[in-house]
């Protein structure tokens, strides 16, 4: 009997993984074509269980995150993709379940185990949670008065899901949206364009204006570089998506081609 139950659990797990794989393949083909808007939902989660974070999530409105879609649609048009919407964004209800914690050791096996566990958790958590979407971004909020820093964020192209750790305070909302957008573009196939050792943008692909003369200071950040280079030794985090662009290489990774 115990063996039978174990085999049933294995079968259920395999079916879940198969469903995830098929969903990812379908969405990938949809993304590559860009023939219709990609549906994305932002799913808030209380990361610290505090009253402050709960109140912040309760006060969130759709307009607080709509500049994410506005930014992507604007940049797609700038890259010659036409003026029809590329992203359809919605703010989902709060999810009262927390994702598996990211590993901190950087071990390949740990990361592989976590990504599998995260995908299973995500699909299980979304059962009956609302309309199906192409991409699900789980945004975990923390009270900045208690957390001076949060874990790094992750966007998984395989799975079409993202985990974003941000701050539960209105003064961080526009910068939160930059982080969410960065991870969303990872899900859509874009790669990082900064040096891992110091987070400085890679020239030229990580610069918003690589042909600018003089080169410094740059006025905006390339979204996948994440910082505005002010000098060869200094770069700052943008405050909002108004200070960010999608560069040529990132546009190619997104399969954007002029119409």
C-alpha atoms as a PDB file:
ATOM      1  CA  UNK A   1       0.000   0.000   0.000  1.00  0.00           C
ATOM      2  CA  UNK A   2       2.823   2.397   0.880  1.00  0.00           C
ATOM      3  CA  UNK A   3       4.521   1.709  -2.462  1.00  0.00           C
ATOM      4  CA  UNK A   4       1.263   2.331  -4.317  1.00  0.00           C
ATOM      5  CA  UNK A   5       0.784   5.697  -2.594  1.00  0.00           C
ATOM      6  CA  UNK A   6       4.349   6.668  -3.422  1.00  0.00           C
ATOM      7  CA  UNK A   7       3.855   5.800  -7.090  1.00  0.00           C
ATOM      8  CA  UNK A   8       0.655   7.860  -7.157  1.00  0.00           C
ATOM      9  CA  UNK A   9       2.549  10.847  -5.735  1.00  0.00           C
ATOM     10  CA  UNK A  10       5.243  10.406  -8.384  1.00  0.00           C
ATOM     11  CA  UNK A  11       2.581  10.244 -11.101  1.00  0.00           C
ATOM     12  CA  UNK A  12       0.913  13.417  -9.855  1.00  0.00           C
ATOM     13  CA  UNK A  13       4.296  15.163  -9.767  1.00  0.00           C
ATOM     14  CA  UNK A  14       5.097  14.080 -13.321  1.00  0.00           C
ATOM     15  CA  UNK A  15       1.709  15.272 -14.559  1.00  0.00           C
ATOM     16  CA  UNK A  16       2.252  18.655 -12.921  1.00  0.00           C
ATOM     17  CA  UNK A  17       5.698  18.974 -14.504  1.00  0.00           C
ATOM     18  CA  UNK A  18       4.282  17.961 -17.892  1.00  0.00           C
ATOM     19  CA  UNK A  19       1.554  20.590 -17.608  1.00  0.00           C
ATOM     20  CA  UNK A  20       4.152  23.214 -16.702  1.00  0.00           C
ATOM     21  CA  UNK A  21       6.332  22.215 -19.663  1.00  0.00           C
ATOM     22  CA  UNK A  22       3.423  22.361 -22.124  1.00  0.00           C
ATOM     23  CA  UNK A  23       2.302  25.739 -20.780  1.00  0.00           C
ATOM     24  CA  UNK A  24       5.845  27.096 -21.085  1.00  0.00           C
ATOM     25  CA  UNK A  25       6.168  25.831 -24.665  1.00  0.00           C
ATOM     26  CA  UNK A  26       2.850  27.375 -25.673  1.00  0.00           C
ATOM     27  CA  UNK A  27       3.714  30.712 -24.095  1.00  0.00           C
ATOM     28  CA  UNK A  28       7.220  30.698 -25.605  1.00  0.00           C
ATOM     29  CA  UNK A  29       5.755  30.270 -29.087  1.00  0.00           C
ATOM     30  CA  UNK A  30       3.266  33.042 -28.357  1.00  0.00           C
ATOM     31  CA  UNK A  31       6.042  35.338 -27.144  1.00  0.00           C
ATOM     32  CA  UNK A  32       8.248  34.678 -30.164  1.00  0.00           C
ATOM     33  CA  UNK A  33       5.424  35.604 -32.524  1.00  0.00           C
ATOM     34  CA  UNK A  34       4.157  38.683 -30.592  1.00  0.00           C
ATOM     35  CA  UNK A  35       0.958  38.345 -32.610  1.00  0.00           C
ATOM     36  CA  UNK A  36      -1.259  38.966 -29.597  1.00  0.00           C
ATOM     37  CA  UNK A  37      -0.769  40.567 -26.186  1.00  0.00           C
ATOM     38  CA  UNK A  38       1.053  38.517 -23.544  1.00  0.00           C
ATOM     39  CA  UNK A  39      -1.115  38.291 -20.434  1.00  0.00           C
ATOM     40  CA  UNK A  40       0.799  38.965 -17.217  1.00  0.00           C
ATOM     41  CA  UNK A  41      -0.435  39.065 -13.649  1.00  0.00           C
ATOM     42  CA  UNK A  42       1.267  40.612 -10.646  1.00  0.00           C
ATOM     43  CA  UNK A  43       0.560  38.487  -7.562  1.00  0.00           C
ATOM     44  CA  UNK A  44       1.332  40.221  -4.227  1.00  0.00           C
ATOM     45  CA  UNK A  45       2.551  38.213  -1.238  1.00  0.00           C
ATOM     46  CA  UNK A  46       3.216  39.376   2.322  1.00  0.00           C
ATOM     47  CA  UNK A  47       6.811  38.297   2.821  1.00  0.00           C
ATOM     48  CA  UNK A  48       7.231  39.174   6.492  1.00  0.00           C
ATOM     49  CA  UNK A  49       3.717  38.720   7.871  1.00  0.00           C
ATOM     50  CA  UNK A  50       3.699  42.239   9.297  1.00  0.00           C
ATOM     51  CA  UNK A  51       0.680  44.498   9.628  1.00  0.00           C
ATOM     52  CA  UNK A  52       2.539  47.259   7.771  1.00  0.00           C
ATOM     53  CA  UNK A  53       3.106  45.036   4.748  1.00  0.00           C
ATOM     54  CA  UNK A  54      -0.475  43.745   4.877  1.00  0.00           C
ATOM     55  CA  UNK A  55      -1.831  47.302   4.846  1.00  0.00           C
ATOM     56  CA  UNK A  56       0.404  48.220   1.939  1.00  0.00           C
ATOM     57  CA  UNK A  57      -0.768  45.236  -0.131  1.00  0.00           C
ATOM     58  CA  UNK A  58      -4.419  45.992   0.705  1.00  0.00           C
ATOM     59  CA  UNK A  59      -3.928  49.519  -0.620  1.00  0.00           C
ATOM     60  CA  UNK A  60      -2.319  48.445  -3.907  1.00  0.00           C
ATOM     61  CA  UNK A  61      -4.227  49.447  -7.028  1.00  0.00           C
ATOM     62  CA  UNK A  62      -3.905  48.406 -10.663  1.00  0.00           C
ATOM     63  CA  UNK A  63      -2.581  51.855 -11.569  1.00  0.00           C
ATOM     64  CA  UNK A  64       0.365  51.306  -9.208  1.00  0.00           C
ATOM     65  CA  UNK A  65       1.825  48.751 -11.626  1.00  0.00           C
ATOM     66  CA  UNK A  66       0.375  49.832 -14.951  1.00  0.00           C
ATOM     67  CA  UNK A  67       3.554  51.696 -15.927  1.00  0.00           C
ATOM     68  CA  UNK A  68       5.178  48.257 -16.420  1.00  0.00           C
ATOM     69  CA  UNK A  69       2.917  47.546 -19.384  1.00  0.00           C
ATOM     70  CA  UNK A  70       3.154  51.175 -20.530  1.00  0.00           C
ATOM     71  CA  UNK A  71       6.956  50.935 -20.568  1.00  0.00           C
ATOM     72  CA  UNK A  72       7.101  47.661 -22.514  1.00  0.00           C
ATOM     73  CA  UNK A  73       4.473  48.812 -25.018  1.00  0.00           C
ATOM     74  CA  UNK A  74       6.297  52.121 -25.485  1.00  0.00           C
ATOM     75  CA  UNK A  75       9.665  50.473 -26.031  1.00  0.00           C
ATOM     76  CA  UNK A  76       8.193  47.897 -28.415  1.00  0.00           C
ATOM     77  CA  UNK A  77       6.785  50.725 -30.534  1.00  0.00           C
ATOM     78  CA  UNK A  78      10.151  52.519 -30.420  1.00  0.00           C
ATOM     79  CA  UNK A  79      11.797  49.370 -31.759  1.00  0.00           C
ATOM     80  CA  UNK A  80       9.400  49.247 -34.702  1.00  0.00           C
ATOM     81  CA  UNK A  81       6.866  46.733 -33.405  1.00  0.00           C
ATOM     82  CA  UNK A  82       3.822  48.907 -34.027  1.00  0.00           C
ATOM     83  CA  UNK A  83       1.564  50.644 -31.541  1.00  0.00           C
ATOM     84  CA  UNK A  84      -0.714  47.733 -30.632  1.00  0.00           C
ATOM     85  CA  UNK A  85      -0.369  46.544 -26.995  1.00  0.00           C
ATOM     86  CA  UNK A  86       2.238  43.842 -26.387  1.00  0.00           C
ATOM     87  CA  UNK A  87       1.489  43.296 -22.683  1.00  0.00           C
ATOM     88  CA  UNK A  88      -1.868  42.944 -20.940  1.00  0.00           C
ATOM     89  CA  UNK A  89      -1.204  43.420 -17.236  1.00  0.00           C
ATOM     90  CA  UNK A  90      -3.439  42.747 -14.253  1.00  0.00           C
ATOM     91  CA  UNK A  91      -2.991  43.010 -10.500  1.00  0.00           C
ATOM     92  CA  UNK A  92      -4.192  39.793  -8.868  1.00  0.00           C
ATOM     93  CA  UNK A  93      -5.510  39.302  -5.360  1.00  0.00           C
ATOM     94  CA  UNK A  94      -3.037  38.692  -2.554  1.00  0.00           C
ATOM     95  CA  UNK A  95      -1.733  35.147  -2.316  1.00  0.00           C
ATOM     96  CA  UNK A  96      -1.552  33.798   1.243  1.00  0.00           C
ATOM     97  CA  UNK A  97       1.145  31.259   0.538  1.00  0.00           C
ATOM     98  CA  UNK A  98       4.867  31.882   0.417  1.00  0.00           C
ATOM     99  CA  UNK A  99       7.213  30.467  -2.212  1.00  0.00           C
ATOM    100  CA  UNK A 100      10.171  28.240  -1.341  1.00  0.00           C
ATOM    101  CA  UNK A 101      13.095  30.338  -0.162  1.00  0.00           C
ATOM    102  CA  UNK A 102      15.847  30.991  -2.656  1.00  0.00           C
ATOM    103  CA  UNK A 103      19.099  29.115  -1.959  1.00  0.00           C
ATOM    104  CA  UNK A 104      21.919  31.328  -0.817  1.00  0.00           C
ATOM    105  CA  UNK A 105      24.881  29.123  -1.709  1.00  0.00           C
ATOM    106  CA  UNK A 106      24.778  29.524  -5.500  1.00  0.00           C
ATOM    107  CA  UNK A 107      25.152  25.757  -5.890  1.00  0.00           C
ATOM    108  CA  UNK A 108      23.899  24.453  -9.253  1.00  0.00           C
ATOM    109  CA  UNK A 109      22.069  21.506  -7.709  1.00  0.00           C
ATOM    110  CA  UNK A 110      20.489  23.752  -5.069  1.00  0.00           C
ATOM    111  CA  UNK A 111      19.302  26.152  -7.769  1.00  0.00           C
ATOM    112  CA  UNK A 112      17.921  23.304  -9.870  1.00  0.00           C
ATOM    113  CA  UNK A 113      16.060  21.857  -6.887  1.00  0.00           C
ATOM    114  CA  UNK A 114      14.689  25.294  -5.984  1.00  0.00           C
ATOM    115  CA  UNK A 115      13.516  26.125  -9.524  1.00  0.00           C
ATOM    116  CA  UNK A 116      11.665  22.795  -9.719  1.00  0.00           C
ATOM    117  CA  UNK A 117      10.112  23.312  -6.283  1.00  0.00           C
ATOM    118  CA  UNK A 118       9.174  26.894  -7.195  1.00  0.00           C
ATOM    119  CA  UNK A 119       7.433  25.830 -10.402  1.00  0.00           C
ATOM    120  CA  UNK A 120       5.466  23.134  -8.601  1.00  0.00           C
ATOM    121  CA  UNK A 121       4.532  25.552  -5.794  1.00  0.00           C
ATOM    122  CA  UNK A 122       3.476  28.216  -8.319  1.00  0.00           C
ATOM    123  CA  UNK A 123       1.197  25.935 -10.281  1.00  0.00           C
ATOM    124  CA  UNK A 124      -0.294  24.428  -7.144  1.00  0.00           C
ATOM    125  CA  UNK A 125      -0.873  27.865  -5.581  1.00  0.00           C
ATOM    126  CA  UNK A 126      -2.670  29.194  -8.654  1.00  0.00           C
ATOM    127  CA  UNK A 127      -5.253  26.433  -8.871  1.00  0.00           C
ATOM    128  CA  UNK A 128      -8.622  28.164  -8.651  1.00  0.00           C
ATOM    129  CA  UNK A 129      -6.959  31.528  -7.949  1.00  0.00           C
ATOM    130  CA  UNK A 130      -8.415  33.309 -10.979  1.00  0.00           C
ATOM    131  CA  UNK A 131      -8.149  33.451 -14.761  1.00  0.00           C
ATOM    132  CA  UNK A 132      -5.155  31.761 -16.373  1.00  0.00           C
ATOM    133  CA  UNK A 133      -2.423  34.054 -17.649  1.00  0.00           C
ATOM    134  CA  UNK A 134       0.659  33.506 -19.777  1.00  0.00           C
ATOM    135  CA  UNK A 135       3.105  34.777 -17.158  1.00  0.00           C
ATOM    136  CA  UNK A 136       2.778  34.929 -13.371  1.00  0.00           C
ATOM    137  CA  UNK A 137       5.000  37.311 -11.405  1.00  0.00           C
ATOM    138  CA  UNK A 138       4.960  36.583  -7.672  1.00  0.00           C
ATOM    139  CA  UNK A 139       5.907  39.827  -5.935  1.00  0.00           C
ATOM    140  CA  UNK A 140       6.908  39.395  -2.293  1.00  0.00           C
ATOM    141  CA  UNK A 141       6.771  42.570  -0.199  1.00  0.00           C
ATOM    142  CA  UNK A 142       8.819  43.358   2.912  1.00  0.00           C
ATOM    143  CA  UNK A 143       8.596  46.211   5.409  1.00  0.00           C
ATOM    144  CA  UNK A 144      11.676  48.416   4.716  1.00  0.00           C
ATOM    145  CA  UNK A 145      11.805  49.488   8.354  1.00  0.00           C
ATOM    146  CA  UNK A 146      12.612  45.882   9.265  1.00  0.00           C
ATOM    147  CA  UNK A 147      14.574  44.767   6.210  1.00  0.00           C
ATOM    148  CA  UNK A 148      17.467  46.851   4.942  1.00  0.00           C
ATOM    149  CA  UNK A 149      17.845  44.426   2.041  1.00  0.00           C
ATOM    150  CA  UNK A 150      15.868  41.605   0.463  1.00  0.00           C
ATOM    151  CA  UNK A 151      16.814  38.445  -1.408  1.00  0.00           C
ATOM    152  CA  UNK A 152      17.621  38.720  -5.090  1.00  0.00           C
ATOM    153  CA  UNK A 153      14.824  38.224  -7.601  1.00  0.00           C
ATOM    154  CA  UNK A 154      14.476  35.619 -10.333  1.00  0.00           C
ATOM    155  CA  UNK A 155      12.646  35.322 -13.647  1.00  0.00           C
ATOM    156  CA  UNK A 156      12.342  31.818 -15.105  1.00  0.00           C
ATOM    157  CA  UNK A 157      11.822  31.521 -18.853  1.00  0.00           C
ATOM    158  CA  UNK A 158      11.272  27.796 -18.304  1.00  0.00           C
ATOM    159  CA  UNK A 159       8.049  27.971 -16.340  1.00  0.00           C
ATOM    160  CA  UNK A 160       7.008  31.484 -17.374  1.00  0.00           C
ATOM    161  CA  UNK A 161       7.074  32.660 -13.769  1.00  0.00           C
ATOM    162  CA  UNK A 162       9.035  35.155 -11.715  1.00  0.00           C
ATOM    163  CA  UNK A 163       9.802  35.729  -8.050  1.00  0.00           C
ATOM    164  CA  UNK A 164      10.425  39.369  -7.137  1.00  0.00           C
ATOM    165  CA  UNK A 165      11.394  40.617  -3.676  1.00  0.00           C
ATOM    166  CA  UNK A 166      10.638  44.301  -3.071  1.00  0.00           C
ATOM    167  CA  UNK A 167       9.692  46.824  -0.391  1.00  0.00           C
ATOM    168  CA  UNK A 168       6.238  47.543   1.007  1.00  0.00           C
ATOM    169  CA  UNK A 169       6.315  51.323   0.952  1.00  0.00           C
ATOM    170  CA  UNK A 170       4.863  53.777  -1.552  1.00  0.00           C
ATOM    171  CA  UNK A 171       8.176  55.621  -1.940  1.00  0.00           C
ATOM    172  CA  UNK A 172       9.615  52.419  -3.413  1.00  0.00           C
ATOM    173  CA  UNK A 173       6.729  51.672  -5.783  1.00  0.00           C
ATOM    174  CA  UNK A 174       8.280  53.083  -8.974  1.00  0.00           C
ATOM    175  CA  UNK A 175      11.656  51.473  -8.267  1.00  0.00           C
ATOM    176  CA  UNK A 176       9.826  48.223  -7.421  1.00  0.00           C
ATOM    177  CA  UNK A 177       8.321  48.374 -10.897  1.00  0.00           C
ATOM    178  CA  UNK A 178      11.799  48.587 -12.424  1.00  0.00           C
ATOM    179  CA  UNK A 179      12.757  45.354 -10.633  1.00  0.00           C
ATOM    180  CA  UNK A 180       9.522  43.631 -11.642  1.00  0.00           C
ATOM    181  CA  UNK A 181      10.034  44.659 -15.271  1.00  0.00           C
ATOM    182  CA  UNK A 182      13.645  43.431 -15.250  1.00  0.00           C
ATOM    183  CA  UNK A 183      12.546  39.982 -14.047  1.00  0.00           C
ATOM    184  CA  UNK A 184       9.569  39.923 -16.420  1.00  0.00           C
ATOM    185  CA  UNK A 185      11.937  40.479 -19.324  1.00  0.00           C
ATOM    186  CA  UNK A 186      14.071  37.589 -18.048  1.00  0.00           C
ATOM    187  CA  UNK A 187      10.949  35.426 -18.321  1.00  0.00           C
ATOM    188  CA  UNK A 188      10.512  36.707 -21.868  1.00  0.00           C
ATOM    189  CA  UNK A 189      14.057  35.695 -22.797  1.00  0.00           C
ATOM    190  CA  UNK A 190      16.261  38.719 -22.040  1.00  0.00           C
ATOM    191  CA  UNK A 191      19.659  38.280 -20.353  1.00  0.00           C
ATOM    192  CA  UNK A 192      21.533  40.398 -17.804  1.00  0.00           C
ATOM    193  CA  UNK A 193      23.887  43.043 -19.152  1.00  0.00           C
ATOM    194  CA  UNK A 194      26.019  43.915 -16.141  1.00  0.00           C
ATOM    195  CA  UNK A 195      29.182  42.518 -14.599  1.00  0.00           C
ATOM    196  CA  UNK A 196      28.399  40.063 -11.811  1.00  0.00           C
ATOM    197  CA  UNK A 197      31.363  41.130  -9.701  1.00  0.00           C
ATOM    198  CA  UNK A 198      30.412  44.815  -9.390  1.00  0.00           C
ATOM    199  CA  UNK A 199      26.952  45.247 -11.018  1.00  0.00           C
ATOM    200  CA  UNK A 200      28.385  47.821 -13.461  1.00  0.00           C
ATOM    201  CA  UNK A 201      26.709  47.899 -16.916  1.00  0.00           C
ATOM    202  CA  UNK A 202      28.586  46.143 -19.716  1.00  0.00           C
ATOM    203  CA  UNK A 203      29.634  48.429 -22.545  1.00  0.00           C
ATOM    204  CA  UNK A 204      28.116  48.749 -25.112  1.00  0.00           C
ATOM    205  CA  UNK A 205      25.164  46.380 -24.620  1.00  0.00           C
ATOM    206  CA  UNK A 206      24.369  47.596 -21.104  1.00  0.00           C
ATOM    207  CA  UNK A 207      24.302  51.285 -22.003  1.00  0.00           C
ATOM    208  CA  UNK A 208      21.144  53.135 -22.992  1.00  0.00           C
ATOM    209  CA  UNK A 209      23.148  55.423 -25.320  1.00  0.00           C
ATOM    210  CA  UNK A 210      26.388  53.622 -26.229  1.00  0.00           C
ATOM    211  CA  UNK A 211      27.136  56.159 -29.007  1.00  0.00           C
ATOM    212  CA  UNK A 212      26.719  59.224 -26.816  1.00  0.00           C
ATOM    213  CA  UNK A 213      29.583  61.745 -26.934  1.00  0.00           C
ATOM    214  CA  UNK A 214      30.863  62.195 -24.350  1.00  0.00           C
ATOM    215  CA  UNK A 215      29.851  58.734 -23.152  1.00  0.00           C
ATOM    216  CA  UNK A 216      29.407  59.818 -19.524  1.00  0.00           C
ATOM    217  CA  UNK A 217      27.212  60.631 -17.816  1.00  0.00           C
ATOM    218  CA  UNK A 218      24.436  58.508 -19.303  1.00  0.00           C
ATOM    219  CA  UNK A 219      20.932  59.825 -18.668  1.00  0.00           C
ATOM    220  CA  UNK A 220      19.098  56.499 -18.582  1.00  0.00           C
ATOM    221  CA  UNK A 221      19.653  52.836 -17.752  1.00  0.00           C
ATOM    222  CA  UNK A 222      19.341  49.856 -20.055  1.00  0.00           C
ATOM    223  CA  UNK A 223      16.699  47.728 -18.323  1.00  0.00           C
ATOM    224  CA  UNK A 224      18.764  44.527 -18.209  1.00  0.00           C
ATOM    225  CA  UNK A 225      21.823  46.409 -16.942  1.00  0.00           C
ATOM    226  CA  UNK A 226      19.796  47.994 -14.166  1.00  0.00           C
ATOM    227  CA  UNK A 227      21.975  51.036 -13.525  1.00  0.00           C
ATOM    228  CA  UNK A 228      22.669  54.452 -15.033  1.00  0.00           C
ATOM    229  CA  UNK A 229      26.437  54.814 -15.684  1.00  0.00           C
ATOM    230  CA  UNK A 230      27.547  58.267 -14.540  1.00  0.00           C
ATOM    231  CA  UNK A 231      31.285  57.672 -14.941  1.00  0.00           C
ATOM    232  CA  UNK A 232      33.599  54.711 -15.633  1.00  0.00           C
ATOM    233  CA  UNK A 233      33.487  53.986 -11.891  1.00  0.00           C
ATOM    234  CA  UNK A 234      29.997  54.976 -10.786  1.00  0.00           C
ATOM    235  CA  UNK A 235      26.490  53.852 -11.709  1.00  0.00           C
ATOM    236  CA  UNK A 236      23.192  54.495  -9.917  1.00  0.00           C
ATOM    237  CA  UNK A 237      19.905  52.605  -9.743  1.00  0.00           C
ATOM    238  CA  UNK A 238      17.062  54.305 -11.677  1.00  0.00           C
ATOM    239  CA  UNK A 239      14.150  55.607  -9.638  1.00  0.00           C
ATOM    240  CA  UNK A 240      11.472  54.712 -12.175  1.00  0.00           C
ATOM    241  CA  UNK A 241      10.828  53.298 -15.624  1.00  0.00           C
ATOM    242  CA  UNK A 242      10.956  56.863 -16.961  1.00  0.00           C
ATOM    243  CA  UNK A 243      14.742  56.539 -16.557  1.00  0.00           C
ATOM    244  CA  UNK A 244      15.005  53.214 -18.376  1.00  0.00           C
ATOM    245  CA  UNK A 245      15.074  51.950 -21.979  1.00  0.00           C
ATOM    246  CA  UNK A 246      15.248  48.591 -23.741  1.00  0.00           C
ATOM    247  CA  UNK A 247      18.479  48.409 -25.731  1.00  0.00           C
ATOM    248  CA  UNK A 248      19.069  46.899 -29.154  1.00  0.00           C
ATOM    249  CA  UNK A 249      20.466  43.565 -27.913  1.00  0.00           C
ATOM    250  CA  UNK A 250      17.639  43.094 -25.424  1.00  0.00           C
ATOM    251  CA  UNK A 251      15.127  43.864 -28.175  1.00  0.00           C
ATOM    252  CA  UNK A 252      16.700  41.116 -30.310  1.00  0.00           C
ATOM    253  CA  UNK A 253      16.495  38.674 -27.393  1.00  0.00           C
ATOM    254  CA  UNK A 254      12.792  39.513 -27.108  1.00  0.00           C
ATOM    255  CA  UNK A 255      12.390  38.666 -30.796  1.00  0.00           C
ATOM    256  CA  UNK A 256      11.365  42.206 -31.604  1.00  0.00           C
ATOM    257  CA  UNK A 257      11.794  42.947 -35.273  1.00  0.00           C
ATOM    258  CA  UNK A 258      10.530  46.011 -37.167  1.00  0.00           C
ATOM    259  CA  UNK A 259       7.221  45.435 -38.929  1.00  0.00           C
END
